[in-house]
Amino acid sequence: MSIQYVRIYYGPCESFYTFSHKPQKLRGIREHLQKLGFRVDLVPVDFVNFCMLEMCGHEVFRCNIKNLSFNTASERDVVCRRAINAVVDSSAKFLRTRNYLWSWALIDDQIFRSEYAPKDYWPFDVEKNFDTSLECTECCGIIKKNT
């Protein structure tokens, strides 16, 4: 999954004593994130007054969907700006983590697994089997005790 991919889970909103999904409340978040280069998917769920933003399988922001303004640009909505800032910060953290893990994998592969790595000297043969039980696979498949 890409770091530039955001899923927005939203539930039905209560207004005028009715419950219905209102993706118009997420217009400001969706448009601003798309301008920043994120791919945004809206996923309706059954939890009432629920809104959660997810990136790479991790929750990055959660709020009550009633706190978002209806059909409003992101510049006018405070909660929308906080959600966008959370997504941008999380994206930077995911990118930093990916680079950190990649560099450690590169160091491990090129330094510690190469011909220049320090040699391991053991007083006995490491390839020797130290199991005390063996499985008889030829005839019956029963585990036998090896003495």
C-alpha atoms as a PDB file:
ATOM      1  CA  MET A   1       0.000   0.000   0.000  1.00  0.00           C
ATOM      2  CA  SER A   2       1.253   3.430  -0.897  1.00  0.00           C
ATOM      3  CA  ILE A   3       2.133   6.131   1.595  1.00  0.00           C
ATOM      4  CA  GLN A   4       0.093   8.549  -0.541  1.00  0.00           C
ATOM      5  CA  TYR A   5      -3.167   6.593  -0.079  1.00  0.00           C
ATOM      6  CA  VAL A   6      -5.815   7.650   2.460  1.00  0.00           C
ATOM      7  CA  ARG A   7      -9.055   5.889   3.336  1.00  0.00           C
ATOM      8  CA  ILE A   8     -11.740   7.937   5.044  1.00  0.00           C
ATOM      9  CA  TYR A   9     -14.291   5.854   6.939  1.00  0.00           C
ATOM     10  CA  TYR A  10     -17.441   7.828   7.694  1.00  0.00           C
ATOM     11  CA  GLY A  11     -20.724   6.899   9.262  1.00  0.00           C
ATOM     12  CA  PRO A  12     -24.235   8.243   9.000  1.00  0.00           C
ATOM     13  CA  CYS A  13     -24.731  11.682  10.465  1.00  0.00           C
ATOM     14  CA  GLU A  14     -27.718  12.628  12.574  1.00  0.00           C
ATOM     15  CA  SER A  15     -29.452  15.763  11.353  1.00  0.00           C
ATOM     16  CA  PHE A  16     -33.099  16.760  11.691  1.00  0.00           C
ATOM     17  CA  TYR A  17     -33.820  13.455  13.446  1.00  0.00           C
ATOM     18  CA  THR A  18     -32.711  11.367  10.442  1.00  0.00           C
ATOM     19  CA  PHE A  19     -29.593   9.311   9.845  1.00  0.00           C
ATOM     20  CA  SER A  20     -27.884   9.259   6.461  1.00  0.00           C
ATOM     21  CA  HIS A  21     -24.370   9.172   5.040  1.00  0.00           C
ATOM     22  CA  LYS A  22     -23.201  12.627   4.059  1.00  0.00           C
ATOM     23  CA  PRO A  23     -19.999  12.541   1.978  1.00  0.00           C
ATOM     24  CA  GLN A  24     -20.456  16.289   1.445  1.00  0.00           C
ATOM     25  CA  LYS A  25     -19.082  16.821   4.953  1.00  0.00           C
ATOM     26  CA  LEU A  26     -15.766  15.389   3.718  1.00  0.00           C
ATOM     27  CA  ARG A  27     -15.513  17.587   0.619  1.00  0.00           C
ATOM     28  CA  GLY A  28     -12.863  19.927   2.056  1.00  0.00           C
ATOM     29  CA  ILE A  29     -10.628  17.112   3.297  1.00  0.00           C
ATOM     30  CA  ARG A  30     -10.918  15.131   0.081  1.00  0.00           C
ATOM     31  CA  GLU A  31     -10.242  18.034  -2.276  1.00  0.00           C
ATOM     32  CA  HIS A  32      -7.298  19.393  -0.307  1.00  0.00           C
ATOM     33  CA  LEU A  33      -5.637  15.982   0.019  1.00  0.00           C
ATOM     34  CA  GLN A  34      -6.107  15.354  -3.694  1.00  0.00           C
ATOM     35  CA  LYS A  35      -4.440  18.698  -4.439  1.00  0.00           C
ATOM     36  CA  LEU A  36      -1.505  17.569  -2.291  1.00  0.00           C
ATOM     37  CA  GLY A  37      -1.201  14.381  -4.380  1.00  0.00           C
ATOM     38  CA  PHE A  38      -2.921  11.854  -2.131  1.00  0.00           C
ATOM     39  CA  ARG A  39      -5.329   9.231  -3.411  1.00  0.00           C
ATOM     40  CA  VAL A  40      -8.474   9.393  -1.283  1.00  0.00           C
ATOM     41  CA  ASP A  41     -11.201   6.755  -0.953  1.00  0.00           C
ATOM     42  CA  LEU A  42     -14.412   7.329   0.978  1.00  0.00           C
ATOM     43  CA  VAL A  43     -15.722   4.214   2.732  1.00  0.00           C
ATOM     44  CA  PRO A  44     -19.190   4.363   4.330  1.00  0.00           C
ATOM     45  CA  VAL A  45     -19.570   2.416   7.596  1.00  0.00           C
ATOM     46  CA  ASP A  46     -22.484   1.821   9.968  1.00  0.00           C
ATOM     47  CA  PHE A  47     -21.174   3.693  13.028  1.00  0.00           C
ATOM     48  CA  VAL A  48     -23.200   6.828  13.754  1.00  0.00           C
ATOM     49  CA  ASN A  49     -21.367  10.207  13.736  1.00  0.00           C
ATOM     50  CA  PHE A  50     -18.027   8.524  12.977  1.00  0.00           C
ATOM     51  CA  CYS A  51     -15.130   9.742  10.854  1.00  0.00           C
ATOM     52  CA  MET A  52     -11.686   8.132  10.754  1.00  0.00           C
ATOM     53  CA  LEU A  53      -8.717   8.633   8.422  1.00  0.00           C
ATOM     54  CA  GLU A  54      -6.465   5.633   7.789  1.00  0.00           C
ATOM     55  CA  MET A  55      -3.066   5.384   6.106  1.00  0.00           C
ATOM     56  CA  CYS A  56      -1.084   2.155   5.596  1.00  0.00           C
ATOM     57  CA  GLY A  57      -3.471   0.303   7.894  1.00  0.00           C
ATOM     58  CA  HIS A  58      -2.981   2.795  10.752  1.00  0.00           C
ATOM     59  CA  GLU A  59      -5.488   5.263  12.118  1.00  0.00           C
ATOM     60  CA  VAL A  60      -4.079   8.783  11.844  1.00  0.00           C
ATOM     61  CA  PHE A  61      -7.106  10.913  12.745  1.00  0.00           C
ATOM     62  CA  ARG A  62     -10.562  10.398  14.255  1.00  0.00           C
ATOM     63  CA  CYS A  63     -13.365  12.835  14.917  1.00  0.00           C
ATOM     64  CA  ASN A  64     -17.119  13.204  15.151  1.00  0.00           C
ATOM     65  CA  ILE A  65     -18.436  13.844  11.655  1.00  0.00           C
ATOM     66  CA  LYS A  66     -20.821  16.465  13.092  1.00  0.00           C
ATOM     67  CA  ASN A  67     -17.757  18.634  13.825  1.00  0.00           C
ATOM     68  CA  LEU A  68     -17.010  18.973  10.097  1.00  0.00           C
ATOM     69  CA  SER A  69     -18.750  21.719   8.163  1.00  0.00           C
ATOM     70  CA  PHE A  70     -21.155  20.778   5.386  1.00  0.00           C
ATOM     71  CA  ASN A  71     -19.811  21.363   1.842  1.00  0.00           C
ATOM     72  CA  THR A  72     -17.090  23.769   3.006  1.00  0.00           C
ATOM     73  CA  ALA A  73     -13.550  24.390   1.775  1.00  0.00           C
ATOM     74  CA  SER A  74     -10.708  23.214   3.993  1.00  0.00           C
ATOM     75  CA  GLU A  75      -9.502  26.753   4.717  1.00  0.00           C
ATOM     76  CA  ARG A  76     -12.709  27.594   6.623  1.00  0.00           C
ATOM     77  CA  ASP A  77     -12.967  24.412   8.710  1.00  0.00           C
ATOM     78  CA  VAL A  78     -10.690  24.014  11.746  1.00  0.00           C
ATOM     79  CA  VAL A  79     -11.283  20.268  12.181  1.00  0.00           C
ATOM     80  CA  CYS A  80     -10.624  19.717   8.482  1.00  0.00           C
ATOM     81  CA  ARG A  81      -7.276  21.520   8.753  1.00  0.00           C
ATOM     82  CA  ARG A  82      -6.322  19.375  11.757  1.00  0.00           C
ATOM     83  CA  ALA A  83      -7.163  16.233   9.784  1.00  0.00           C
ATOM     84  CA  ILE A  84      -5.061  17.386   6.825  1.00  0.00           C
ATOM     85  CA  ASN A  85      -2.132  18.232   9.105  1.00  0.00           C
ATOM     86  CA  ALA A  86      -2.396  14.776  10.706  1.00  0.00           C
ATOM     87  CA  VAL A  87      -2.278  13.111   7.280  1.00  0.00           C
ATOM     88  CA  VAL A  88       0.717  15.173   6.115  1.00  0.00           C
ATOM     89  CA  ASP A  89       2.625  14.522   9.368  1.00  0.00           C
ATOM     90  CA  SER A  90       1.846  10.804   9.206  1.00  0.00           C
ATOM     91  CA  SER A  91       2.988  10.649   5.602  1.00  0.00           C
ATOM     92  CA  ALA A  92       6.324  12.214   6.564  1.00  0.00           C
ATOM     93  CA  LYS A  93       6.705   9.768   9.464  1.00  0.00           C
ATOM     94  CA  PHE A  94       5.889   6.748   7.262  1.00  0.00           C
ATOM     95  CA  LEU A  95       8.393   7.939   4.661  1.00  0.00           C
ATOM     96  CA  ARG A  96      11.075   8.443   7.325  1.00  0.00           C
ATOM     97  CA  THR A  97      10.400   4.991   8.757  1.00  0.00           C
ATOM     98  CA  ARG A  98      10.536   3.354   5.329  1.00  0.00           C
ATOM     99  CA  ASN A  99      13.879   5.020   4.549  1.00  0.00           C
ATOM    100  CA  TYR A 100      15.264   4.051   7.960  1.00  0.00           C
ATOM    101  CA  LEU A 101      14.273   0.394   7.554  1.00  0.00           C
ATOM    102  CA  TRP A 102      15.545   0.308   3.972  1.00  0.00           C
ATOM    103  CA  SER A 103      18.940   1.712   4.980  1.00  0.00           C
ATOM    104  CA  TRP A 104      19.306  -0.817   7.799  1.00  0.00           C
ATOM    105  CA  ALA A 105      18.408  -3.653   5.433  1.00  0.00           C
ATOM    106  CA  LEU A 106      21.004  -2.349   2.969  1.00  0.00           C
ATOM    107  CA  ILE A 107      23.678  -2.105   5.669  1.00  0.00           C
ATOM    108  CA  ASP A 108      22.846  -5.584   6.922  1.00  0.00           C
ATOM    109  CA  ASP A 109      22.954  -7.065   3.433  1.00  0.00           C
ATOM    110  CA  GLN A 110      26.098  -5.326   2.161  1.00  0.00           C
ATOM    111  CA  ILE A 111      28.285  -5.284   5.260  1.00  0.00           C
ATOM    112  CA  PHE A 112      27.326  -8.203   7.463  1.00  0.00           C
ATOM    113  CA  ARG A 113      26.508 -10.698   4.688  1.00  0.00           C
ATOM    114  CA  SER A 114      29.477 -10.048   2.419  1.00  0.00           C
ATOM    115  CA  GLU A 115      32.933 -11.547   2.148  1.00  0.00           C
ATOM    116  CA  TYR A 116      34.294  -8.700   4.290  1.00  0.00           C
ATOM    117  CA  ALA A 117      32.114  -9.591   7.262  1.00  0.00           C
ATOM    118  CA  PRO A 118      33.830 -10.971  10.366  1.00  0.00           C
ATOM    119  CA  LYS A 119      34.074 -14.756  10.308  1.00  0.00           C
ATOM    120  CA  ASP A 120      32.212 -16.904  12.811  1.00  0.00           C
ATOM    121  CA  TYR A 121      34.385 -19.507  14.487  1.00  0.00           C
ATOM    122  CA  TRP A 122      32.575 -22.270  16.367  1.00  0.00           C
ATOM    123  CA  PRO A 123      34.219 -25.091  18.311  1.00  0.00           C
ATOM    124  CA  PHE A 124      31.853 -27.631  16.718  1.00  0.00           C
ATOM    125  CA  ASP A 125      30.041 -28.216  13.456  1.00  0.00           C
ATOM    126  CA  VAL A 126      26.933 -26.014  13.303  1.00  0.00           C
ATOM    127  CA  GLU A 127      25.249 -28.142  10.633  1.00  0.00           C
ATOM    128  CA  LYS A 128      24.916 -31.115  12.996  1.00  0.00           C
ATOM    129  CA  ASN A 129      21.361 -32.106  13.931  1.00  0.00           C
ATOM    130  CA  PHE A 130      20.732 -31.761  17.685  1.00  0.00           C
ATOM    131  CA  ASP A 131      17.101 -32.900  17.705  1.00  0.00           C
ATOM    132  CA  THR A 132      16.198 -35.670  20.133  1.00  0.00           C
ATOM    133  CA  SER A 133      13.259 -36.916  18.099  1.00  0.00           C
ATOM    134  CA  LEU A 134      12.904 -37.971  14.473  1.00  0.00           C
ATOM    135  CA  GLU A 135       9.818 -38.519  12.375  1.00  0.00           C
ATOM    136  CA  CYS A 136       9.499 -41.793  10.548  1.00  0.00           C
ATOM    137  CA  THR A 137       8.201 -40.620   7.201  1.00  0.00           C
ATOM    138  CA  GLU A 138       8.905 -43.764   5.175  1.00  0.00           C
ATOM    139  CA  CYS A 139       6.429 -46.174   6.741  1.00  0.00           C
ATOM    140  CA  CYS A 140       4.082 -44.879   9.416  1.00  0.00           C
ATOM    141  CA  GLY A 141       4.727 -41.141  10.089  1.00  0.00           C
ATOM    142  CA  ILE A 142       5.181 -41.704  13.858  1.00  0.00           C
ATOM    143  CA  ILE A 143       7.662 -39.611  15.804  1.00  0.00           C
ATOM    144  CA  LYS A 144      10.420 -41.800  17.310  1.00  0.00           C
ATOM    145  CA  LYS A 145      12.794 -40.912  20.114  1.00  0.00           C
ATOM    146  CA  ASN A 146      16.385 -40.529  18.939  1.00  0.00           C
ATOM    147  CA  THR A 147      18.891 -41.708  21.541  1.00  0.00           C
END
